Amino acid sequence: MNLNVIILAAGLGTRMKSDIPKVLHPLCGTPMIQYVIDTVKKLRPEEIVTVINKDHKPLKELLKDKTSIAIQKKALGTADALRTGIRTIKKRAPILVINGDTPLVRLETLKRFIKLHRAEQSPISILSFITEAPSSYGRIIRDKAGDVIAIREQIDATPEERKIKEVNSGIYIIEPEALELLRFIKKNIKKGEYFLTDIVSIGVRRGLKVRAYPVAEEEDLLGINTRKELSIASAIMRKRINEGFMLEGVTIINPENTYIEKDVRIGRDTVIYPGVHIEGKSVIGDRCIIYQNVRISNSIIGNLVVIKDSSVIEESVIKDGSQIGPFAHLRPGTCIEKNVKIGNFVEVKKSSIGEGTKAMHLTYIGDAEIGRNVNVGAGTITCNYDGFKKYKTIIEDDVFIGSDTQLVAPVRIKQGAYIGAGSTITKDVPEHSLALSRTPQRHIPEWAKKHRQKAKKG
C-alpha cells in the first residue's frame, strides 16, 4: 500500500505514575503498543516508524525488528515527534499518524478512514468521533458550511467550543505536500510544546482543504493515559477476545470473569468456567473442560483434557484425555502423556509422566522420568535436591509405588517393581521385585498410660 505509518509513542505518561513507559503497560497480557503495531502492519504500509523518548530503553528493546525507531530527544509535543519520525522515512508517501496508546483501534476503522481520504483527495484528513464526554479531547471546529477550520485543544477552547461533541482521535493522514506545514507550528505558550493539531488551522489559512470523518466508535479510539483508562480498555479488549472465541465454538460460562490473552488458541467445544486465566501463547485443544480458578500459562493442552478447580499449569504439555487437579501445580518443563491422572495437591516439575500413569494425592514429582501405567501413591516425594545439585529419578513402566515413599535421587525403579508404603529408597530397584525399607515395629506395654500420668503430675 502506498502509505507510511508513524506511531507516536514518546509521551512520558506521567499520569500513569509508573517507571514503565506508558505504551508498555499490558492490555490482556500484551503491551498496548503491540496491538497498534499488529493492526497497522495489516495495512501493508511501505514503512512503519515509531517515535520514542530517549529514555525509553525497554520500549526500544520491544520494537527491535518490529518497526523503525526515531528518538525524540526532548519532550516537545506531538508536532515535534512527527517531525522526528519523518526524518527516518525513506520513501515519499502519505503518512498515517497514530498514537501508541490507542490499542483498541480496529483494522476495519483504519481501512474505512483511508478509503474516505483517498476518495476526497484532501491534503489532511482527521479520524474523529462523537462523544457525550469530550473532556480532554481536542474539539473539531467547523464553520457554518461544515468545513473543518481547526482543532481546539481543551486547554485553549472557549466555553462554547468545549460543548462540541465531535473530537479528534489523534489519527491523521497527511499528504507529503502538507507535511511542509509542520515548520510553521509555533510552541504553545501554556504547555511549552508544539501541537500537531495546529497543522489544521495553518493548512486552512493557506487554502488547503481539511477533512474530518466521524466514522469510528468511541470505544475504538479510547486513549489510555491513566490506570483507570487502562482498566476500562482491558475490559473492552477482554470482551472482544472472549466474544471471538465464543463465535468460534468455545463455551465461556461467564465471559466477564474469564481472562484470556490475545495470542491464546482454543479448540471447538471446549468449556471454560469462571475465574480462569489463560496466558501467553497457550494452545488448548477440542472438547476440553477447564474448571473454576485455573491458570494456564504458555502451555499446550491436547483434546479431551479436564483441568479441575484451582490448578496452575505453567510452560507444560498435557496430551489427549488426561485429567489434572483439583489444586494441582504443573511447573515449567512438565510433559503429561495421554490418559494420565494428576490429582489433588500434586506438584510436578520438569518431569515426563507416561501414558496411563496416576498420581492422585499429595505428591511431589521433580526432575523425574516416569513410564507408562505407573501408580504413584499418596505422599510420595522424589527427593531430587541435595542442597547443591538436582538429580533425576527414573521410574519404568508398570511400577507400583506405595504411599508415603521417598525416592532419593539419583535412583531408578525398574519395570514392574513394587515399593512398599513408608519406604525410603536410596538404591536402584530390580525388575518385578518388592522394595522395603522399614524398621521393625515394636510395642512398649503401658507406655501411653504412664506418659499421660506423668503429664498430669506436671
Protein backbone atom coordinates (compact mmCIF):
# COMPACT_ATOMS: atom_id res chain seq x y z
CA MET A 1 0.00 0.00 0.00
CA ASN A 2 1.29 3.47 -0.89
CA LEU A 3 1.33 4.62 2.72
CA ASN A 4 3.79 5.20 5.55
CA VAL A 5 2.89 4.90 9.23
CA ILE A 6 4.34 6.91 12.10
CA ILE A 7 3.42 5.75 15.61
CA LEU A 8 3.80 8.45 18.25
CA ALA A 9 4.99 6.82 21.47
CA ALA A 10 7.37 9.36 23.02
CA GLY A 11 4.99 10.64 25.71
CA LEU A 12 6.23 10.40 29.28
CA GLY A 13 2.91 9.05 30.56
CA THR A 14 3.20 10.92 33.85
CA ARG A 15 -0.44 10.29 34.75
CA MET A 16 0.22 6.54 34.88
CA LYS A 17 2.55 7.23 37.83
CA SER A 18 4.89 4.48 36.68
CA ASP A 19 8.55 3.86 35.92
CA ILE A 20 7.41 1.78 32.93
CA PRO A 21 6.86 3.59 29.61
CA LYS A 22 3.11 4.07 29.21
CA VAL A 23 2.77 2.13 25.96
CA LEU A 24 4.45 -0.91 27.54
CA HIS A 25 1.68 -1.37 30.09
CA PRO A 26 -0.07 -4.64 29.26
CA LEU A 27 -3.61 -4.97 27.96
CA CYS A 28 -4.78 -8.58 28.37
CA GLY A 29 -1.14 -9.64 28.68
CA THR A 30 0.23 -7.72 25.67
CA PRO A 31 1.88 -4.26 25.71
CA MET A 32 -0.66 -1.77 24.40
CA ILE A 33 1.63 -0.58 21.61
CA GLN A 34 1.90 -4.14 20.25
CA TYR A 35 -1.81 -4.02 19.35
CA VAL A 36 -1.20 -0.83 17.36
CA ILE A 37 1.79 -2.36 15.56
CA ASP A 38 -0.11 -5.55 14.73
CA THR A 39 -3.04 -3.56 13.34
CA VAL A 40 -1.08 -1.14 11.13
CA LYS A 41 1.09 -3.98 9.77
CA LYS A 42 -2.06 -5.50 8.28
CA LEU A 43 -2.36 -2.34 6.14
CA ARG A 44 0.92 -3.42 4.47
CA PRO A 45 2.49 0.07 4.57
CA GLU A 46 5.80 0.93 2.92
CA GLU A 47 7.41 1.83 6.25
CA ILE A 48 6.48 1.93 9.95
CA VAL A 49 8.38 4.29 12.24
CA THR A 50 7.83 4.54 15.99
CA VAL A 51 8.88 7.75 17.73
CA ILE A 52 10.05 7.16 21.29
CA ASN A 53 11.64 9.09 24.13
CA LYS A 54 15.40 8.86 24.51
CA ASP A 55 14.99 7.33 27.99
CA HIS A 56 12.65 4.54 26.88
CA LYS A 57 15.21 1.72 26.65
CA PRO A 58 12.70 -1.12 27.38
CA LEU A 59 10.46 0.21 24.59
CA LYS A 60 13.40 0.32 22.20
CA GLU A 61 14.09 -3.31 23.00
CA LEU A 62 10.48 -4.32 22.31
CA LEU A 63 10.43 -2.50 18.97
CA LYS A 64 13.63 -4.13 17.73
CA ASP A 65 12.93 -5.89 14.40
CA LYS A 66 9.26 -4.75 14.50
CA THR A 67 9.40 -1.14 13.33
CA SER A 68 12.00 1.51 12.59
CA ILE A 69 12.75 3.76 15.57
CA ALA A 70 13.14 7.53 15.80
CA ILE A 71 14.29 9.14 19.04
CA GLN A 72 12.69 12.38 20.24
CA LYS A 73 15.45 13.98 22.30
CA LYS A 74 13.19 16.41 24.19
CA ALA A 75 9.50 16.16 25.08
CA LEU A 76 8.39 18.99 22.81
CA GLY A 77 4.98 17.70 21.78
CA THR A 78 3.28 15.80 19.00
CA ALA A 79 4.31 18.06 16.11
CA ASP A 80 7.96 17.77 17.09
CA ALA A 81 7.54 13.99 17.44
CA LEU A 82 6.11 13.79 13.93
CA ARG A 83 8.97 15.88 12.55
CA THR A 84 11.35 13.45 14.26
CA GLY A 85 9.63 10.46 12.69
CA ILE A 86 9.59 11.95 9.19
CA ARG A 87 13.39 12.17 9.18
CA THR A 88 13.54 8.37 9.33
CA ILE A 89 11.10 7.81 6.44
CA LYS A 90 12.88 6.91 3.21
CA LYS A 91 10.02 6.73 0.67
CA ARG A 92 7.74 9.67 -0.15
CA ALA A 93 4.11 8.69 0.51
CA PRO A 94 1.09 9.79 2.56
CA ILE A 95 1.64 9.31 6.28
CA LEU A 96 -0.84 7.71 8.65
CA VAL A 97 -0.15 9.21 12.07
CA ILE A 98 -1.39 7.16 15.04
CA ASN A 99 -0.73 7.17 18.77
CA GLY A 100 0.84 4.20 20.52
CA ASP A 101 -1.72 4.39 23.34
CA THR A 102 -4.79 3.59 21.18
CA PRO A 103 -4.70 -0.23 21.20
CA LEU A 104 -8.44 -0.66 20.60
CA VAL A 105 -8.49 0.82 17.10
CA ARG A 106 -9.79 -1.75 14.63
CA LEU A 107 -8.30 -2.56 11.25
CA GLU A 108 -11.71 -2.03 9.62
CA THR A 109 -11.86 1.50 11.05
CA LEU A 110 -8.46 2.42 9.60
CA LYS A 111 -9.31 0.92 6.21
CA ARG A 112 -12.53 2.90 6.06
CA PHE A 113 -10.68 6.09 7.02
CA ILE A 114 -8.04 5.53 4.33
CA LYS A 115 -10.74 4.88 1.72
CA LEU A 116 -12.52 8.14 2.58
CA HIS A 117 -9.25 10.08 2.49
CA ARG A 118 -8.41 8.79 -0.96
CA ALA A 119 -11.89 9.43 -2.29
CA GLU A 120 -11.83 13.07 -1.16
CA GLN A 121 -8.14 13.61 -2.02
CA SER A 122 -7.72 16.08 0.84
CA PRO A 123 -4.17 17.02 1.92
CA ILE A 124 -5.04 16.43 5.58
CA SER A 125 -7.65 14.02 6.96
CA ILE A 126 -8.63 13.53 10.60
CA LEU A 127 -10.31 10.47 12.08
CA SER A 128 -12.84 11.92 14.51
CA PHE A 129 -15.62 10.52 16.67
CA ILE A 130 -18.67 11.70 18.57
CA THR A 131 -18.69 11.52 22.36
CA GLU A 132 -21.02 12.68 25.11
CA ALA A 133 -17.99 13.31 27.36
CA PRO A 134 -15.44 15.28 25.28
CA SER A 135 -13.34 16.07 28.40
CA SER A 136 -9.69 16.42 27.36
CA TYR A 137 -10.09 15.59 23.65
CA GLY A 138 -9.36 18.27 21.06
CA ARG A 139 -12.61 19.63 19.55
CA ILE A 140 -13.22 19.59 15.79
CA ILE A 141 -14.10 23.18 14.87
CA ARG A 142 -16.22 23.60 11.71
CA ASP A 143 -17.51 26.72 10.01
CA LYS A 144 -21.16 27.33 9.10
CA ALA A 145 -20.73 25.35 5.89
CA GLY A 146 -19.46 22.36 7.87
CA ASP A 147 -15.87 22.62 6.72
CA VAL A 148 -13.13 21.89 9.25
CA ILE A 149 -11.21 25.02 10.19
CA ALA A 150 -9.34 23.98 13.35
CA ILE A 151 -8.81 21.52 16.17
CA ARG A 152 -9.01 23.25 19.52
CA GLU A 153 -7.30 21.62 22.47
CA GLN A 154 -9.21 21.62 25.76
CA ILE A 155 -6.67 23.98 27.29
CA ASP A 156 -7.30 26.61 24.60
CA ALA A 157 -11.02 26.05 23.93
CA THR A 158 -13.69 28.60 24.80
CA PRO A 159 -16.64 27.51 26.98
CA GLU A 160 -18.78 27.28 23.83
CA GLU A 161 -16.18 25.20 21.97
CA ARG A 162 -15.92 22.80 24.89
CA LYS A 163 -19.55 21.82 24.29
CA ILE A 164 -18.65 20.38 20.86
CA LYS A 165 -19.06 16.59 20.81
CA GLU A 166 -17.04 15.80 17.69
CA VAL A 167 -13.46 15.29 18.84
CA ASN A 168 -10.04 14.42 17.49
CA SER A 169 -8.83 10.81 17.82
CA GLY A 170 -5.20 11.75 17.18
CA ILE A 171 -5.18 9.70 13.96
CA TYR A 172 -4.41 11.60 10.74
CA ILE A 173 -3.45 11.01 7.16
CA ILE A 174 -1.17 13.75 5.87
CA GLU A 175 -0.08 14.01 2.25
CA PRO A 176 3.62 14.75 1.61
CA GLU A 177 2.98 18.32 0.42
CA ALA A 178 1.09 19.16 3.65
CA LEU A 179 3.98 18.00 5.83
CA GLU A 180 5.73 21.26 4.96
CA LEU A 181 3.24 22.97 7.29
CA LEU A 182 4.91 21.42 10.35
CA ARG A 183 7.64 24.08 10.24
CA PHE A 184 5.03 26.83 10.75
CA ILE A 185 3.69 25.37 14.02
CA LYS A 186 4.60 27.54 16.97
CA LYS A 187 5.16 26.46 20.55
CA ASN A 188 2.03 26.53 22.70
CA ILE A 189 2.62 29.16 25.38
CA LYS A 190 0.65 27.34 28.10
CA LYS A 191 2.23 23.90 27.58
CA GLY A 192 5.61 24.72 26.05
CA GLU A 193 5.03 22.13 23.30
CA TYR A 194 4.36 22.04 19.55
CA PHE A 195 0.82 20.73 18.99
CA LEU A 196 0.24 18.71 15.83
CA THR A 197 -3.40 19.84 15.94
CA ASP A 198 -2.26 23.32 14.86
CA ILE A 199 -1.48 21.97 11.39
CA VAL A 200 -5.21 22.13 10.63
CA SER A 201 -5.70 25.89 11.12
CA ILE A 202 -2.37 26.61 9.42
CA GLY A 203 -3.40 24.50 6.43
CA VAL A 204 -6.83 26.14 6.20
CA ARG A 205 -5.25 29.61 6.22
CA ARG A 206 -3.10 28.54 3.26
CA GLY A 207 -6.11 27.34 1.30
CA LEU A 208 -5.84 23.60 1.94
CA LYS A 209 -8.97 21.52 2.35
CA VAL A 210 -9.01 19.61 5.65
CA ARG A 211 -11.50 16.78 6.22
CA ALA A 212 -12.66 15.13 9.43
CA TYR A 213 -14.50 11.81 9.27
CA PRO A 214 -16.57 10.84 12.35
CA VAL A 215 -16.75 7.20 11.25
CA ALA A 216 -15.38 5.38 14.30
CA GLU A 217 -16.93 4.14 17.51
CA GLU A 218 -15.75 5.97 20.60
CA GLU A 219 -14.67 2.64 22.10
CA ASP A 220 -12.22 2.06 19.23
CA LEU A 221 -10.37 5.30 19.85
CA LEU A 222 -10.06 5.32 23.62
CA GLY A 223 -6.68 6.77 24.54
CA ILE A 224 -5.02 5.44 27.66
CA ASN A 225 -3.42 7.95 30.00
CA THR A 226 -4.30 6.65 33.47
CA ARG A 227 -4.58 3.33 35.29
CA LYS A 228 -8.35 3.77 35.29
CA GLU A 229 -8.42 4.12 31.50
CA LEU A 230 -6.12 1.09 31.23
CA SER A 231 -8.64 -0.90 33.24
CA ILE A 232 -11.51 0.25 31.02
CA ALA A 233 -9.57 -0.62 27.86
CA SER A 234 -8.61 -4.03 29.29
CA ALA A 235 -12.28 -4.83 29.93
CA ILE A 236 -13.16 -3.89 26.33
CA MET A 237 -10.32 -5.97 24.90
CA ARG A 238 -11.18 -8.92 27.13
CA LYS A 239 -14.78 -8.76 25.90
CA ARG A 240 -13.60 -8.75 22.26
CA ILE A 241 -11.28 -11.70 22.82
CA ASN A 242 -13.92 -13.77 24.62
CA GLU A 243 -16.61 -12.98 22.05
CA GLY A 244 -14.22 -14.06 19.31
CA PHE A 245 -13.72 -17.45 20.95
CA MET A 246 -17.44 -17.93 21.53
CA LEU A 247 -18.13 -17.21 17.86
CA GLU A 248 -15.62 -19.98 17.03
CA GLY A 249 -17.40 -22.59 19.17
CA VAL A 250 -15.90 -22.21 22.65
CA THR A 251 -18.27 -22.13 25.64
CA ILE A 252 -17.33 -19.43 28.15
CA ILE A 253 -19.77 -19.65 31.02
CA ASN A 254 -19.11 -16.19 32.44
CA PRO A 255 -17.17 -14.01 29.97
CA GLU A 256 -16.99 -11.07 32.38
CA ASN A 257 -14.97 -13.22 34.79
CA THR A 258 -12.77 -15.08 32.30
CA TYR A 259 -9.33 -13.74 31.35
CA ILE A 260 -7.85 -14.93 28.06
CA GLU A 261 -4.88 -13.23 26.41
CA LYS A 262 -4.78 -12.35 22.74
CA ASP A 263 -2.27 -14.96 21.48
CA VAL A 264 -4.12 -17.92 23.03
CA ARG A 265 -5.69 -20.57 20.76
CA ILE A 266 -8.67 -22.69 21.88
CA GLY A 267 -10.41 -25.55 20.05
CA ARG A 268 -14.10 -26.15 19.47
CA ASP A 269 -16.50 -27.40 22.16
CA THR A 270 -14.09 -26.59 24.95
CA VAL A 271 -15.87 -25.33 28.09
CA ILE A 272 -14.32 -22.67 30.30
CA TYR A 273 -15.67 -21.94 33.77
CA PRO A 274 -15.46 -18.58 35.62
CA GLY A 275 -12.24 -17.25 37.10
CA VAL A 276 -9.99 -18.95 34.53
CA HIS A 277 -6.80 -17.18 33.34
CA ILE A 278 -5.21 -18.40 30.08
CA GLU A 279 -1.98 -16.58 29.32
CA GLY A 280 0.78 -16.15 26.76
CA LYS A 281 0.80 -18.41 23.71
CA SER A 282 -1.17 -21.25 25.29
CA VAL A 283 -2.91 -23.69 22.94
CA ILE A 284 -5.93 -25.67 24.11
CA GLY A 285 -7.49 -28.44 22.06
CA ASP A 286 -11.06 -29.53 21.35
CA ARG A 287 -13.63 -30.67 23.91
CA CYS A 288 -11.62 -29.79 26.98
CA ILE A 289 -13.17 -28.72 30.29
CA ILE A 290 -11.38 -26.10 32.36
CA TYR A 291 -12.97 -25.61 35.75
CA GLN A 292 -13.02 -22.61 38.09
CA ASN A 293 -9.96 -20.56 39.02
CA VAL A 294 -7.46 -22.40 36.82
CA ARG A 295 -4.39 -20.55 35.49
CA ILE A 296 -2.70 -21.79 32.31
CA SER A 297 0.44 -20.03 31.08
CA ASN A 298 2.33 -20.75 27.83
CA SER A 299 1.23 -24.37 27.79
CA ILE A 300 -0.08 -26.82 25.20
CA ILE A 301 -3.20 -28.78 26.11
CA GLY A 302 -4.45 -31.63 23.90
CA ASN A 303 -8.02 -32.76 23.21
CA LEU A 304 -10.47 -34.05 25.81
CA VAL A 305 -8.35 -32.82 28.72
CA VAL A 306 -10.04 -31.99 32.03
CA ILE A 307 -8.37 -29.47 34.33
CA LYS A 308 -10.13 -29.32 37.67
CA ASP A 309 -10.55 -26.40 40.04
CA SER A 310 -7.70 -24.14 41.20
CA SER A 311 -4.91 -25.83 39.27
CA VAL A 312 -1.87 -24.00 37.87
CA ILE A 313 -0.27 -25.07 34.57
CA GLU A 314 2.99 -23.33 33.56
CA GLU A 315 5.03 -23.98 30.39
CA SER A 316 3.87 -27.57 30.26
CA VAL A 317 2.40 -30.04 27.76
CA ILE A 318 -0.69 -32.12 28.53
CA LYS A 319 -1.71 -34.69 25.95
CA ASP A 320 -5.13 -36.06 25.00
CA GLY A 321 -7.51 -37.45 27.60
CA SER A 322 -5.52 -36.53 30.70
CA GLN A 323 -7.03 -35.16 33.90
CA ILE A 324 -5.35 -32.61 36.15
CA GLY A 325 -6.35 -31.41 39.61
CA PRO A 326 -8.04 -30.12 41.61
CA PHE A 327 -5.33 -27.99 43.26
CA ALA A 328 -2.54 -29.43 41.10
CA HIS A 329 0.56 -27.49 40.01
CA LEU A 330 2.43 -28.34 36.82
CA ARG A 331 5.64 -26.32 36.79
CA PRO A 332 7.77 -25.50 33.72
CA GLY A 333 9.20 -28.39 31.74
CA THR A 334 6.46 -30.90 32.54
CA CYS A 335 5.12 -33.26 29.87
CA ILE A 336 2.00 -35.28 30.64
CA GLU A 337 1.29 -38.08 28.15
CA LYS A 338 -2.16 -39.39 27.18
CA ASN A 339 -4.75 -40.53 29.75
CA VAL A 340 -2.71 -39.55 32.79
CA LYS A 341 -4.33 -38.56 36.10
CA ILE A 342 -2.62 -35.94 38.25
CA GLY A 343 -4.79 -35.34 41.29
CA ASN A 344 -5.31 -33.36 44.47
CA PHE A 345 -2.35 -31.28 45.68
CA VAL A 346 0.14 -32.94 43.34
CA GLU A 347 3.10 -30.86 42.13
CA VAL A 348 5.10 -31.86 39.05
CA LYS A 349 8.26 -30.05 37.95
CA LYS A 350 10.44 -30.67 34.88
CA SER A 351 9.24 -34.25 34.55
CA SER A 352 7.69 -36.56 31.97
CA ILE A 353 4.74 -38.71 33.01
CA GLY A 354 3.97 -41.74 30.82
CA GLU A 355 0.63 -42.76 29.35
CA GLY A 356 -1.92 -44.15 31.80
CA THR A 357 0.06 -43.21 34.91
CA LYS A 358 -1.71 -41.97 38.06
CA ALA A 359 -0.52 -39.70 40.86
CA MET A 360 -3.71 -38.83 42.66
CA HIS A 361 -2.85 -37.34 46.07
CA LEU A 362 -0.38 -35.13 47.93
CA THR A 363 2.71 -35.90 45.86
CA TYR A 364 5.82 -34.08 44.64
CA ILE A 365 7.46 -35.23 41.39
CA GLY A 366 10.53 -33.26 40.36
CA ASP A 367 13.24 -33.95 37.75
CA ALA A 368 11.71 -37.34 37.07
CA GLU A 369 11.05 -39.62 34.14
CA ILE A 370 8.03 -41.84 34.82
CA GLY A 371 6.91 -44.58 32.46
CA ARG A 372 3.53 -46.00 31.46
CA ASN A 373 0.85 -47.32 33.83
CA VAL A 374 2.66 -46.35 36.99
CA ASN A 375 0.74 -45.89 40.27
CA VAL A 376 2.25 -43.20 42.47
CA GLY A 377 0.80 -43.50 45.98
CA ALA A 378 -0.27 -40.62 48.20
CA GLY A 379 2.51 -38.66 49.89
CA THR A 380 5.26 -39.82 47.51
CA ILE A 381 8.23 -37.48 47.18
CA THR A 382 11.08 -37.51 44.68
CA CYS A 383 13.98 -36.15 46.71
CA ASN A 384 15.80 -34.50 43.81
CA TYR A 385 17.96 -31.86 45.54
CA ASP A 386 20.88 -32.38 47.93
CA GLY A 387 21.40 -28.69 48.64
CA PHE A 388 23.87 -28.26 45.76
CA LYS A 389 22.66 -30.19 42.70
CA LYS A 390 19.47 -31.63 41.21
CA TYR A 391 19.32 -35.35 40.44
CA LYS A 392 16.98 -37.47 38.33
CA THR A 393 14.53 -40.16 39.34
CA ILE A 394 13.60 -42.77 36.70
CA ILE A 395 10.55 -44.97 37.19
CA GLU A 396 9.96 -47.52 34.44
CA ASP A 397 6.65 -48.94 33.18
CA ASP A 398 4.11 -50.76 35.39
CA VAL A 399 5.70 -49.79 38.72
CA PHE A 400 3.58 -49.54 41.89
CA ILE A 401 4.77 -47.03 44.48
CA GLY A 402 3.15 -47.31 47.90
CA SER A 403 2.05 -44.31 49.91
CA ASP A 404 4.47 -42.12 51.85
CA THR A 405 7.50 -43.19 49.82
CA GLN A 406 10.65 -41.11 49.44
CA LEU A 407 12.72 -41.74 46.31
CA VAL A 408 16.19 -40.29 46.91
CA ALA A 409 17.68 -39.37 43.53
CA PRO A 410 19.61 -40.40 41.57
CA VAL A 411 17.64 -43.64 41.56
CA ARG A 412 15.96 -45.98 39.04
CA ILE A 413 12.91 -48.12 39.78
CA LYS A 414 12.86 -50.79 37.10
CA GLN A 415 9.88 -52.23 35.27
CA GLY A 416 7.16 -53.92 37.26
CA ALA A 417 8.71 -53.27 40.68
CA TYR A 418 6.69 -52.66 43.87
CA ILE A 419 7.69 -50.18 46.58
CA GLY A 420 6.19 -50.86 49.98
CA ALA A 421 4.40 -47.99 51.70
CA GLY A 422 6.50 -45.85 54.00
CA SER A 423 9.81 -46.75 52.33
CA THR A 424 12.83 -44.55 51.70
CA ILE A 425 14.51 -45.79 48.52
CA THR A 426 18.15 -44.85 48.00
CA LYS A 427 19.26 -47.62 45.61
CA ASP A 428 18.06 -48.86 42.24
CA VAL A 429 15.23 -51.40 42.48
CA PRO A 430 15.41 -54.50 40.19
CA GLU A 431 12.59 -55.52 37.84
CA HIS A 432 9.47 -57.11 39.35
CA SER A 433 10.89 -57.01 42.88
CA LEU A 434 9.47 -55.65 46.14
CA ALA A 435 11.49 -52.91 47.88
CA LEU A 436 11.02 -52.22 51.59
CA SER A 437 12.96 -50.03 53.98
CA ARG A 438 11.03 -50.15 57.25
CA THR A 439 12.37 -50.58 60.76
CA PRO A 440 10.69 -53.43 62.67
CA GLN A 441 7.55 -52.38 64.52
CA ARG A 442 7.71 -52.86 68.29
CA HIS A 443 5.28 -52.23 71.15
CA ILE A 444 6.12 -50.93 74.66
CA PRO A 445 3.37 -52.08 77.03
CA GLU A 446 1.71 -49.43 79.25
CA TRP A 447 3.91 -46.66 77.81
CA ALA A 448 0.97 -44.43 76.81
CA LYS A 449 -0.74 -44.80 80.19
CA LYS A 450 2.42 -43.90 82.11
CA HIS A 451 3.06 -40.96 79.79
CA ARG A 452 -0.38 -39.47 80.48
CA GLN A 453 0.01 -39.89 84.24
CA LYS A 454 3.38 -38.18 84.15
CA ALA A 455 1.92 -35.29 82.16
CA LYS A 456 -0.88 -34.79 84.71
CA LYS A 457 1.61 -34.53 87.56
CA GLY A 458 3.35 -31.73 85.70
